[in-house]
Amino acid sequence: MNTAVTEQPITLHRAVPATPTAEARWPVAEIEALFSLPFPDLIHRAQTVHRQHFDPSEVELATLLSIKTGGCPEDCGYCPQSVHYDTGVEAGKLMETAAVREAAEAAKAAGATRFCMGAAWREPKDRDIEKVAELVREVKAIGLEACCTLGMLSEMQARTLKGAGLDYYNHNLDTAPEAYGRIITTRDYQERLDTLEHVRSAGMSVCCGGIVGMGESRTERAGLIAQLANLEPYPESVPINELVRVEGTPLADTEKIDPFEFVRTIAVARITMPTARVRLSAGRQQMDEALQALCFVAGANSIFYGDKLLTTGNPDVERDRALLGRLGLHARDVSHT
């Protein structure tokens, strides 16, 4: 005898808190409950949410170029670009405009629609911002969306970048507030939130996510997602990174996160931030194709491809194209948006 199964309704949005003391849109306990769902139920829920807001076969292709590598004074425990650790990464100068333009043109030719520029600074000087603004104008002239990650920004610096045409600014929260001090001591959580506020005030879109697999508990992973999902508004772009363990950094010997737990993190990000682009970011090169496919099913719809993700090489363009083709996925077309 067949028995009908009644599914619980999918909650997409909750009322935005009217005051800072109001109940959070997504309490940590509710996010933990999502993490604890049976895997098929969680994936079904995430896929349902995904289809309500996106073409499920579309993937945004972005390229990230390190325009200034190494020499960062921060002590982020995962980062080979910190001056505090001996990782073999040497400090370099800001790339010249012509070289950045050449890289952006190559990215566009390979199918990328967003070009992200990263610089290893704690906080750029105003003269640095003027130089980056010139690079932003070059990227925009090519016809690409432009994104930067440069460290902490002042309100005026954010306005300068917006004036140059910058579409997105990336500034990750990295982990939950209670885990932050184990990873970074040279800045505090509020400084990250302040930069996000400056970016919002300038009128730019926010790219903000975190890193999982740094020894955090599931509760702390839920805390990271809660911080992101309860931002008002939540980020338009949410990169979910898996720790890339680099010899010489304090986190080099951290136990690798269970792959299904990583997929769960993607799914929970999709459910709690329905209209965000959830990006499968650092660590993707270490994933087999089946795991990447699961991440797409769980709601990831953006990847970095075709170049180097800061100091970490990404799969080459042809391999990525072949995988997307086998999965029946296609690149996002921004020509009509």
Protein backbone atom coordinates (compact mmCIF):
# COMPACT_ATOMS: atom_id res chain seq x y z
CA MET A 1 0.00 0.00 0.00
CA ASN A 2 1.39 3.42 -1.02
CA THR A 3 1.54 6.10 1.64
CA ALA A 4 1.76 9.74 0.64
CA VAL A 5 4.61 11.70 2.20
CA THR A 6 3.81 15.23 3.29
CA GLU A 7 6.87 17.47 2.99
CA GLN A 8 7.51 20.42 5.25
CA PRO A 9 7.25 23.81 3.53
CA ILE A 10 10.53 25.42 2.56
CA THR A 11 11.28 28.63 4.39
CA LEU A 12 13.02 31.12 2.11
CA HIS A 13 12.94 34.47 3.89
CA ARG A 14 12.14 35.62 7.36
CA ALA A 15 11.29 39.05 8.62
CA VAL A 16 14.34 41.28 8.85
CA PRO A 17 14.98 42.29 12.47
CA ALA A 18 13.54 45.73 13.16
CA THR A 19 16.15 46.43 15.82
CA PRO A 20 19.54 44.97 16.70
CA THR A 21 17.94 43.20 19.68
CA ALA A 22 15.27 41.47 17.59
CA GLU A 23 15.46 37.76 16.87
CA ALA A 24 17.95 36.87 14.15
CA ARG A 25 16.56 35.94 10.77
CA TRP A 26 18.57 32.70 10.97
CA PRO A 27 19.50 31.71 14.55
CA VAL A 28 22.57 29.48 14.85
CA ALA A 29 20.44 26.68 16.31
CA GLU A 30 18.22 26.61 13.22
CA ILE A 31 21.25 26.52 10.93
CA GLU A 32 22.70 23.66 12.98
CA ALA A 33 19.39 21.87 12.51
CA LEU A 34 19.79 22.22 8.74
CA PHE A 35 23.29 20.74 8.94
CA SER A 36 21.84 17.78 10.84
CA LEU A 37 19.15 16.90 8.29
CA PRO A 38 19.50 13.55 6.52
CA PHE A 39 21.72 14.17 3.51
CA PRO A 40 19.03 13.50 0.85
CA ASP A 41 16.58 15.82 2.62
CA LEU A 42 19.12 18.62 2.89
CA ILE A 43 20.12 18.34 -0.77
CA HIS A 44 16.48 18.23 -1.90
CA ARG A 45 15.68 21.32 0.11
CA ALA A 46 18.74 23.20 -1.20
CA GLN A 47 18.02 22.19 -4.80
CA THR A 48 14.40 23.31 -4.47
CA VAL A 49 15.47 26.71 -3.17
CA HIS A 50 18.07 26.96 -5.91
CA ARG A 51 15.55 26.32 -8.67
CA GLN A 52 13.23 29.00 -7.32
CA HIS A 53 15.87 31.67 -7.94
CA PHE A 54 18.29 30.42 -10.61
CA ASP A 55 18.58 28.35 -13.75
CA PRO A 56 19.96 25.15 -12.15
CA SER A 57 22.15 24.43 -15.16
CA GLU A 58 23.89 27.83 -15.14
CA VAL A 59 27.30 28.44 -13.57
CA GLU A 60 29.08 31.78 -13.26
CA LEU A 61 32.71 31.61 -14.37
CA ALA A 62 35.10 33.99 -12.62
CA THR A 63 38.86 34.40 -12.76
CA LEU A 64 40.99 35.63 -9.87
CA LEU A 65 44.35 37.27 -10.48
CA SER A 66 46.81 38.10 -7.71
CA ILE A 67 47.87 41.63 -8.64
CA LYS A 68 50.10 42.01 -5.58
CA THR A 69 51.39 38.81 -3.99
CA GLY A 70 53.04 38.19 -0.61
CA GLY A 71 54.35 40.43 2.14
CA CYS A 72 51.08 40.74 4.04
CA PRO A 73 51.52 41.82 7.70
CA GLU A 74 48.43 39.89 8.85
CA ASP A 75 48.93 36.54 10.64
CA CYS A 76 46.00 34.59 9.15
CA GLY A 77 46.87 31.00 10.03
CA TYR A 78 45.88 29.63 6.64
CA CYS A 79 47.66 32.11 4.40
CA PRO A 80 51.02 31.49 2.67
CA GLN A 81 51.25 35.20 1.81
CA SER A 82 51.75 36.27 5.43
CA VAL A 83 55.18 37.62 6.40
CA HIS A 84 54.87 35.63 9.63
CA TYR A 85 55.36 32.26 7.91
CA ASP A 86 58.09 30.72 5.78
CA THR A 87 56.17 29.32 2.82
CA GLY A 88 58.44 30.27 -0.06
CA VAL A 89 56.14 33.07 -1.25
CA GLU A 90 58.12 36.22 -1.95
CA ALA A 91 56.65 39.69 -1.72
CA GLY A 92 55.99 41.30 -5.09
CA LYS A 93 54.97 44.72 -6.36
CA LEU A 94 51.62 45.71 -7.78
CA MET A 95 51.30 44.48 -11.36
CA GLU A 96 51.49 46.93 -14.22
CA THR A 97 48.30 47.98 -15.97
CA ALA A 98 49.21 46.36 -19.30
CA ALA A 99 49.84 42.97 -17.68
CA VAL A 100 46.53 43.07 -15.82
CA ARG A 101 44.67 44.05 -18.96
CA GLU A 102 46.27 41.16 -20.86
CA ALA A 103 45.17 38.73 -18.14
CA ALA A 104 41.63 40.14 -18.16
CA GLU A 105 41.38 39.80 -21.92
CA ALA A 106 42.56 36.19 -21.68
CA ALA A 107 39.97 35.50 -18.97
CA LYS A 108 37.20 36.93 -21.12
CA ALA A 109 38.35 34.92 -24.13
CA ALA A 110 38.18 31.78 -21.98
CA GLY A 111 34.58 32.51 -21.03
CA ALA A 112 34.89 34.29 -17.68
CA THR A 113 32.34 37.01 -16.95
CA ARG A 114 33.81 38.33 -13.71
CA PHE A 115 37.44 39.31 -13.15
CA CYS A 116 38.62 39.46 -9.56
CA MET A 117 41.85 41.15 -8.48
CA GLY A 118 43.47 40.27 -5.16
CA ALA A 119 46.26 42.11 -3.35
CA ALA A 120 48.03 40.97 -0.19
CA TRP A 121 47.52 44.07 1.91
CA ARG A 122 46.18 44.52 5.43
CA GLU A 123 44.73 47.82 4.28
CA PRO A 124 45.74 49.64 1.10
CA LYS A 125 47.08 53.17 1.17
CA ASP A 126 45.19 55.85 -0.71
CA ARG A 127 47.87 55.86 -3.42
CA ASP A 128 47.35 52.11 -3.84
CA ILE A 129 43.61 52.65 -4.26
CA GLU A 130 44.22 55.16 -7.05
CA LYS A 131 46.34 52.59 -8.90
CA VAL A 132 43.77 49.83 -8.40
CA ALA A 133 41.02 52.17 -9.58
CA GLU A 134 42.91 52.48 -12.87
CA LEU A 135 42.99 48.67 -13.14
CA VAL A 136 39.26 48.52 -12.46
CA ARG A 137 38.59 50.95 -15.30
CA GLU A 138 40.67 48.76 -17.62
CA VAL A 139 38.73 45.62 -16.69
CA LYS A 140 35.39 47.38 -17.12
CA ALA A 141 36.47 48.68 -20.54
CA ILE A 142 36.97 45.07 -21.64
CA GLY A 143 33.37 44.28 -20.73
CA LEU A 144 33.88 42.17 -17.60
CA GLU A 145 32.38 42.52 -14.15
CA ALA A 146 35.11 43.73 -11.79
CA CYS A 147 35.78 42.54 -8.25
CA CYS A 148 38.62 43.32 -5.84
CA THR A 149 39.91 41.94 -2.56
CA LEU A 150 42.47 44.31 -1.05
CA GLY A 151 42.02 44.05 2.71
CA MET A 152 40.29 46.58 4.92
CA LEU A 153 38.89 49.71 3.27
CA SER A 154 38.02 53.14 4.57
CA GLU A 155 34.73 54.70 3.57
CA MET A 156 36.46 57.09 1.16
CA GLN A 157 38.50 54.30 -0.44
CA ALA A 158 35.32 52.32 -1.07
CA ARG A 159 33.78 55.35 -2.74
CA THR A 160 36.84 55.76 -4.96
CA LEU A 161 36.61 52.17 -6.15
CA LYS A 162 32.88 52.52 -6.76
CA GLY A 163 33.56 55.64 -8.81
CA ALA A 164 36.00 53.64 -10.95
CA GLY A 165 33.22 51.15 -11.72
CA LEU A 166 33.99 48.33 -9.28
CA ASP A 167 31.01 45.96 -9.14
CA TYR A 168 31.94 43.69 -6.21
CA TYR A 169 34.26 43.88 -3.24
CA ASN A 170 35.37 40.65 -1.58
CA HIS A 171 36.08 40.61 2.14
CA ASN A 172 35.54 37.24 3.77
CA LEU A 173 34.55 36.74 7.40
CA ASP A 174 36.60 33.51 7.31
CA THR A 175 34.94 31.79 10.29
CA ALA A 176 32.53 32.25 13.17
CA PRO A 177 33.22 35.04 15.68
CA GLU A 178 34.01 32.58 18.47
CA ALA A 179 36.61 30.78 16.34
CA TYR A 180 38.17 33.91 14.86
CA GLY A 181 40.85 34.43 17.51
CA ARG A 182 42.27 30.97 16.85
CA ILE A 183 42.89 31.86 13.22
CA ILE A 184 43.81 35.56 13.22
CA THR A 185 45.16 37.90 15.91
CA THR A 186 46.18 40.97 13.90
CA ARG A 187 42.64 42.23 13.37
CA ASP A 188 39.27 41.66 14.99
CA TYR A 189 35.91 40.60 13.63
CA GLN A 190 34.39 44.05 13.88
CA GLU A 191 37.02 45.44 11.53
CA ARG A 192 35.84 43.00 8.88
CA LEU A 193 32.23 44.02 9.44
CA ASP A 194 33.21 47.70 9.23
CA THR A 195 34.76 47.18 5.80
CA LEU A 196 31.60 45.43 4.61
CA GLU A 197 29.58 48.41 5.81
CA HIS A 198 31.84 50.82 3.90
CA VAL A 199 31.40 48.73 0.76
CA ARG A 200 27.62 48.74 1.14
CA SER A 201 27.51 52.46 1.84
CA ALA A 202 29.47 53.12 -1.35
CA GLY A 203 26.87 51.24 -3.38
CA MET A 204 28.93 48.18 -4.32
CA SER A 205 27.82 44.58 -4.14
CA VAL A 206 29.37 42.40 -1.44
CA CYS A 207 31.29 39.18 -2.01
CA CYS A 208 31.75 37.58 1.40
CA GLY A 209 32.11 34.01 2.58
CA GLY A 210 34.49 31.91 4.61
CA ILE A 211 36.84 28.97 4.90
CA VAL A 212 35.83 25.59 6.26
CA GLY A 213 38.10 22.80 7.39
CA MET A 214 40.22 24.95 9.73
CA GLY A 215 39.49 22.71 12.71
CA GLU A 216 36.17 24.36 13.50
CA SER A 217 33.21 22.49 14.95
CA ARG A 218 29.91 22.10 13.12
CA THR A 219 28.43 24.66 15.52
CA GLU A 220 31.13 27.10 14.45
CA ARG A 221 30.42 26.38 10.79
CA ALA A 222 26.79 27.15 11.53
CA GLY A 223 27.95 30.34 13.26
CA LEU A 224 29.79 31.46 10.12
CA ILE A 225 26.73 30.88 7.95
CA ALA A 226 24.59 32.73 10.52
CA GLN A 227 26.87 35.75 10.38
CA LEU A 228 26.60 35.84 6.59
CA ALA A 229 22.88 35.09 6.32
CA ASN A 230 21.95 37.68 8.94
CA LEU A 231 23.80 40.53 7.26
CA GLU A 232 21.26 43.04 5.97
CA PRO A 233 21.26 42.43 3.11
CA TYR A 234 23.18 39.19 2.90
CA PRO A 235 26.05 39.09 0.34
CA GLU A 236 25.26 38.85 -3.36
CA SER A 237 28.20 36.49 -3.73
CA VAL A 238 29.22 33.89 -1.12
CA PRO A 239 32.50 32.02 -1.70
CA ILE A 240 32.77 28.79 0.29
CA ASN A 241 36.43 27.82 0.51
CA GLU A 242 37.95 24.58 1.73
CA LEU A 243 41.21 25.08 3.59
CA VAL A 244 44.22 24.57 1.34
CA ARG A 245 46.84 23.26 3.74
CA VAL A 246 50.17 24.93 2.95
CA GLU A 247 53.44 23.80 4.50
CA GLY A 248 54.83 26.48 6.78
CA THR A 249 51.46 27.85 7.90
CA PRO A 250 50.02 27.04 11.36
CA LEU A 251 47.11 25.14 9.82
CA ALA A 252 49.24 22.95 7.56
CA ASP A 253 48.54 19.80 9.59
CA THR A 254 44.81 20.40 10.13
CA GLU A 255 42.67 17.33 9.53
CA LYS A 256 40.85 17.50 6.21
CA ILE A 257 37.13 18.18 6.44
CA ASP A 258 34.78 15.33 5.56
CA PRO A 259 33.68 15.89 1.94
CA PHE A 260 29.99 15.42 2.74
CA GLU A 261 30.29 18.04 5.48
CA PHE A 262 31.65 20.43 2.86
CA VAL A 263 28.68 19.70 0.58
CA ARG A 264 26.37 20.27 3.55
CA THR A 265 27.96 23.71 4.02
CA ILE A 266 27.21 24.58 0.39
CA ALA A 267 23.61 23.42 0.79
CA VAL A 268 23.06 25.36 4.01
CA ALA A 269 24.50 28.51 2.42
CA ARG A 270 22.08 28.09 -0.49
CA ILE A 271 19.05 27.63 1.77
CA THR A 272 19.86 30.57 4.05
CA MET A 273 20.93 32.94 1.25
CA PRO A 274 18.58 31.99 -1.61
CA THR A 275 19.47 34.68 -4.15
CA ALA A 276 23.24 34.74 -3.57
CA ARG A 277 25.75 33.31 -5.99
CA VAL A 278 27.35 30.54 -3.94
CA ARG A 279 30.87 30.06 -5.21
CA LEU A 280 32.89 26.88 -5.04
CA SER A 281 36.26 28.51 -4.43
CA ALA A 282 39.63 27.56 -2.91
CA GLY A 283 40.19 23.85 -2.55
CA ARG A 284 38.22 22.91 -5.66
CA GLN A 285 41.34 21.63 -7.40
CA GLN A 286 41.70 19.02 -4.68
CA MET A 287 38.16 17.73 -5.20
CA ASP A 288 37.32 14.91 -7.55
CA GLU A 289 34.66 15.45 -10.19
CA ALA A 290 31.96 13.58 -8.28
CA LEU A 291 32.38 15.85 -5.25
CA GLN A 292 32.26 18.95 -7.45
CA ALA A 293 29.08 17.65 -9.06
CA LEU A 294 27.52 17.19 -5.61
CA CYS A 295 28.39 20.79 -4.78
CA PHE A 296 26.56 21.99 -7.89
CA VAL A 297 23.54 19.89 -6.93
CA ALA A 298 23.70 21.40 -3.44
CA GLY A 299 23.41 24.90 -4.85
CA ALA A 300 26.86 26.11 -5.89
CA ASN A 301 26.53 28.15 -9.08
CA SER A 302 29.82 29.98 -9.41
CA ILE A 303 33.45 28.86 -9.70
CA PHE A 304 36.90 30.33 -10.15
CA TYR A 305 38.56 28.85 -13.18
CA GLY A 306 41.21 29.35 -15.77
CA ASP A 307 43.88 31.04 -13.71
CA LYS A 308 45.50 30.89 -10.31
CA LEU A 309 43.48 31.40 -7.17
CA LEU A 310 46.04 33.63 -5.43
CA THR A 311 48.87 31.15 -4.75
CA THR A 312 46.80 28.05 -5.37
CA GLY A 313 46.56 26.69 -8.92
CA ASN A 314 43.06 26.02 -10.23
CA PRO A 315 42.08 23.28 -12.70
CA ASP A 316 42.76 24.35 -16.25
CA VAL A 317 40.08 25.71 -18.51
CA GLU A 318 39.72 22.63 -20.70
CA ARG A 319 39.21 20.29 -17.76
CA ASP A 320 36.59 22.61 -16.30
CA ARG A 321 34.83 22.93 -19.63
CA ALA A 322 34.79 19.15 -20.00
CA LEU A 323 33.31 18.68 -16.52
CA LEU A 324 30.61 21.29 -17.06
CA GLY A 325 29.79 19.71 -20.40
CA ARG A 326 29.46 16.23 -18.91
CA LEU A 327 27.11 17.62 -16.26
CA GLY A 328 25.05 19.54 -18.82
CA LEU A 329 25.93 22.87 -17.22
CA HIS A 330 26.55 26.09 -19.11
CA ALA A 331 28.31 29.35 -18.36
CA ARG A 332 26.34 32.37 -17.21
CA ASP A 333 25.69 34.85 -20.02
CA VAL A 334 25.77 38.46 -18.83
CA SER A 335 25.35 40.01 -22.24
CA HIS A 336 21.61 40.41 -21.67
CA THR A 337 21.67 41.28 -17.96
